[in-house]
Amino acid sequence: YLRSPLGLLRLGQLALGAAFWVTVAAHKYEGAAHFALFAAVLVWLLTLALFGLSLLGRWALVPWLGSRWLLTNLVHDLALGVGLYAAATGIMGYKARQKSYCNLPGYSQHCLYSAYLSASICGGITACLYLFSGLYCLLRRCRDERDII
């Protein structure tokens, strides 16, 4: 599984997803950033569970979803992964634009612009990785394959 395209995409999703929510959580955040952090952590934890079950080959233990594992991965990637990370990326991009004034030379206050911008970039790349893995699962589903590998 680790050598398959889906396994490599999952590792990238986990790494960049963790970078997103750690960046947001490590800095002062308010307002809509709470939702962005919630969405990122929720999707990251679900991705970790999917990755662990797929790595161990134990998806058959999951009631009702285990027999539809490819479809489960497809829905997770396209609906949750792309949808929530795109929303979180938009929120963090908007917050970065709101703080863009503080990257001027001579601004003496603590500036969150770089943190919000880096979180937005990580979120955008993560959403693209979820899109790629969703398209990979969709391709396998269209070929009438039942397995994720």
Protein backbone atom coordinates (compact mmCIF):
# COMPACT_ATOMS: atom_id res chain seq x y z
CA TYR A 1 0.00 0.00 0.00
CA LEU A 2 2.83 2.43 0.78
CA ARG A 3 4.18 2.08 -2.76
CA SER A 4 0.83 2.64 -4.43
CA PRO A 5 -0.18 6.10 -5.67
CA LEU A 6 -2.93 6.29 -3.04
CA GLY A 7 -0.50 5.45 -0.22
CA LEU A 8 1.96 8.13 -1.32
CA LEU A 9 -0.83 10.67 -1.68
CA ARG A 10 -2.08 9.80 1.83
CA LEU A 11 1.39 10.40 3.27
CA GLY A 12 1.52 13.80 1.58
CA GLN A 13 -1.97 14.63 2.82
CA LEU A 14 -1.03 13.73 6.37
CA ALA A 15 2.21 15.72 6.28
CA LEU A 16 0.78 18.87 4.71
CA GLY A 17 -2.45 18.63 6.70
CA ALA A 18 -0.44 18.50 9.91
CA ALA A 19 1.62 21.48 8.73
CA PHE A 20 -1.62 23.39 8.12
CA TRP A 21 -3.23 22.83 11.47
CA VAL A 22 -0.01 23.13 13.47
CA THR A 23 0.68 26.47 11.78
CA VAL A 24 -2.79 27.75 12.63
CA ALA A 25 -2.80 26.33 16.17
CA ALA A 26 0.67 27.66 16.99
CA HIS A 27 -0.38 31.26 16.39
CA LYS A 28 -3.11 33.45 17.76
CA TYR A 29 -6.28 32.87 15.78
CA GLU A 30 -9.81 34.18 16.04
CA GLY A 31 -13.12 34.19 14.23
CA ALA A 32 -13.44 31.93 11.20
CA ALA A 33 -9.99 30.47 11.79
CA HIS A 34 -11.62 28.30 14.46
CA PHE A 35 -13.64 26.59 11.72
CA ALA A 36 -10.55 26.24 9.53
CA LEU A 37 -8.68 24.58 12.38
CA PHE A 38 -11.64 22.30 13.19
CA ALA A 39 -12.02 21.27 9.54
CA ALA A 40 -8.30 20.59 9.12
CA VAL A 41 -8.04 18.49 12.28
CA LEU A 42 -11.23 16.55 11.49
CA VAL A 43 -10.11 15.66 7.97
CA TRP A 44 -6.59 14.90 9.20
CA LEU A 45 -7.86 12.47 11.84
CA LEU A 46 -10.18 10.74 9.37
CA THR A 47 -7.32 10.49 6.87
CA LEU A 48 -5.10 9.01 9.57
CA ALA A 49 -7.77 6.39 10.30
CA LEU A 50 -8.18 5.55 6.60
CA PHE A 51 -4.42 5.35 6.18
CA GLY A 52 -3.98 3.09 9.21
CA LEU A 53 -6.77 0.72 8.20
CA SER A 54 -5.56 0.60 4.61
CA LEU A 55 -1.95 0.08 5.64
CA LEU A 56 -2.88 -2.83 7.89
CA GLY A 57 -5.43 -4.19 5.42
CA ARG A 58 -8.12 -4.17 8.10
CA TRP A 59 -10.84 -2.19 6.34
CA ALA A 60 -13.09 -5.25 6.38
CA LEU A 61 -13.45 -4.72 10.14
CA VAL A 62 -15.34 -1.45 9.58
CA PRO A 63 -19.07 -2.21 9.53
CA TRP A 64 -20.88 -1.38 6.30
CA LEU A 65 -18.01 0.77 4.96
CA GLY A 66 -15.47 -2.06 4.78
CA SER A 67 -17.23 -3.74 1.89
CA ARG A 68 -17.31 -0.38 0.08
CA TRP A 69 -13.78 0.76 0.89
CA LEU A 70 -12.98 2.27 -2.50
CA LEU A 71 -16.22 4.26 -2.43
CA THR A 72 -15.51 5.30 1.16
CA ASN A 73 -12.08 6.63 0.14
CA LEU A 74 -13.61 8.38 -2.87
CA VAL A 75 -16.28 10.18 -0.81
CA HIS A 76 -13.77 11.05 1.91
CA ASP A 77 -11.33 12.56 -0.57
CA LEU A 78 -13.73 14.52 -2.76
CA ALA A 79 -16.41 15.58 -0.29
CA LEU A 80 -14.52 15.99 2.96
CA GLY A 81 -10.91 16.46 1.85
CA VAL A 82 -11.38 18.83 -1.06
CA GLY A 83 -14.47 20.54 0.33
CA LEU A 84 -13.27 21.28 3.83
CA TYR A 85 -9.66 22.06 2.88
CA ALA A 86 -10.82 24.41 0.12
CA ALA A 87 -13.02 26.21 2.66
CA ALA A 88 -10.20 26.33 5.21
CA THR A 89 -7.78 27.59 2.57
CA GLY A 90 -10.19 30.32 1.57
CA ILE A 91 -10.64 31.39 5.18
CA MET A 92 -6.92 31.53 5.84
CA GLY A 93 -6.27 33.34 2.55
CA TYR A 94 -8.90 35.93 3.47
CA LYS A 95 -7.36 36.36 6.92
CA ALA A 96 -3.90 36.72 5.36
CA ARG A 97 -5.24 39.43 3.06
CA GLN A 98 -6.73 41.21 6.06
CA LYS A 99 -3.31 41.20 7.76
CA SER A 100 -1.33 42.15 4.65
CA TYR A 101 -0.71 45.66 5.98
CA CYS A 102 1.55 44.38 8.73
CA ASN A 103 4.28 43.06 6.45
CA LEU A 104 5.42 46.60 5.75
CA PRO A 105 8.92 47.60 6.87
CA GLY A 106 8.94 49.29 10.22
CA TYR A 107 5.70 47.74 11.48
CA SER A 108 6.47 47.00 15.12
CA GLN A 109 3.45 44.86 16.19
CA HIS A 110 3.27 41.07 16.06
CA CYS A 111 2.24 40.09 12.54
CA LEU A 112 0.20 37.01 11.67
CA TYR A 113 0.41 37.56 7.91
CA SER A 114 3.14 35.00 7.26
CA ALA A 115 1.48 32.36 9.44
CA TYR A 116 -1.88 32.80 7.72
CA LEU A 117 -0.27 32.84 4.29
CA SER A 118 1.77 29.69 4.92
CA ALA A 119 -1.31 27.92 6.30
CA SER A 120 -3.24 28.96 3.22
CA ILE A 121 -0.53 27.60 0.91
CA CYS A 122 -0.35 24.30 2.81
CA GLY A 123 -4.14 24.04 2.72
CA GLY A 124 -4.28 24.67 -1.02
CA ILE A 125 -1.67 22.04 -1.77
CA THR A 126 -3.42 19.60 0.56
CA ALA A 127 -6.75 20.20 -1.19
CA CYS A 128 -5.03 19.42 -4.51
CA LEU A 129 -3.63 16.19 -3.08
CA TYR A 130 -7.12 15.19 -1.96
CA LEU A 131 -8.41 15.99 -5.44
CA PHE A 132 -5.73 13.79 -7.02
CA SER A 133 -6.44 10.88 -4.69
CA GLY A 134 -10.18 11.30 -5.25
CA LEU A 135 -9.67 11.22 -9.01
CA TYR A 136 -7.46 8.14 -8.62
CA CYS A 137 -10.20 6.37 -6.66
CA LEU A 138 -12.79 7.51 -9.21
CA LEU A 139 -10.67 6.10 -12.02
CA ARG A 140 -10.42 2.77 -10.24
CA ARG A 141 -14.16 2.81 -9.58
CA CYS A 142 -14.91 3.52 -13.27
CA ARG A 143 -12.75 0.55 -14.22
CA ASP A 144 -14.96 -1.64 -11.97
CA GLU A 145 -12.09 -2.34 -9.61
CA ARG A 146 -13.09 -2.97 -6.00
CA ASP A 147 -9.75 -2.58 -4.22
CA ILE A 148 -7.79 0.57 -3.40
CA ILE A 149 -4.45 -0.83 -4.53
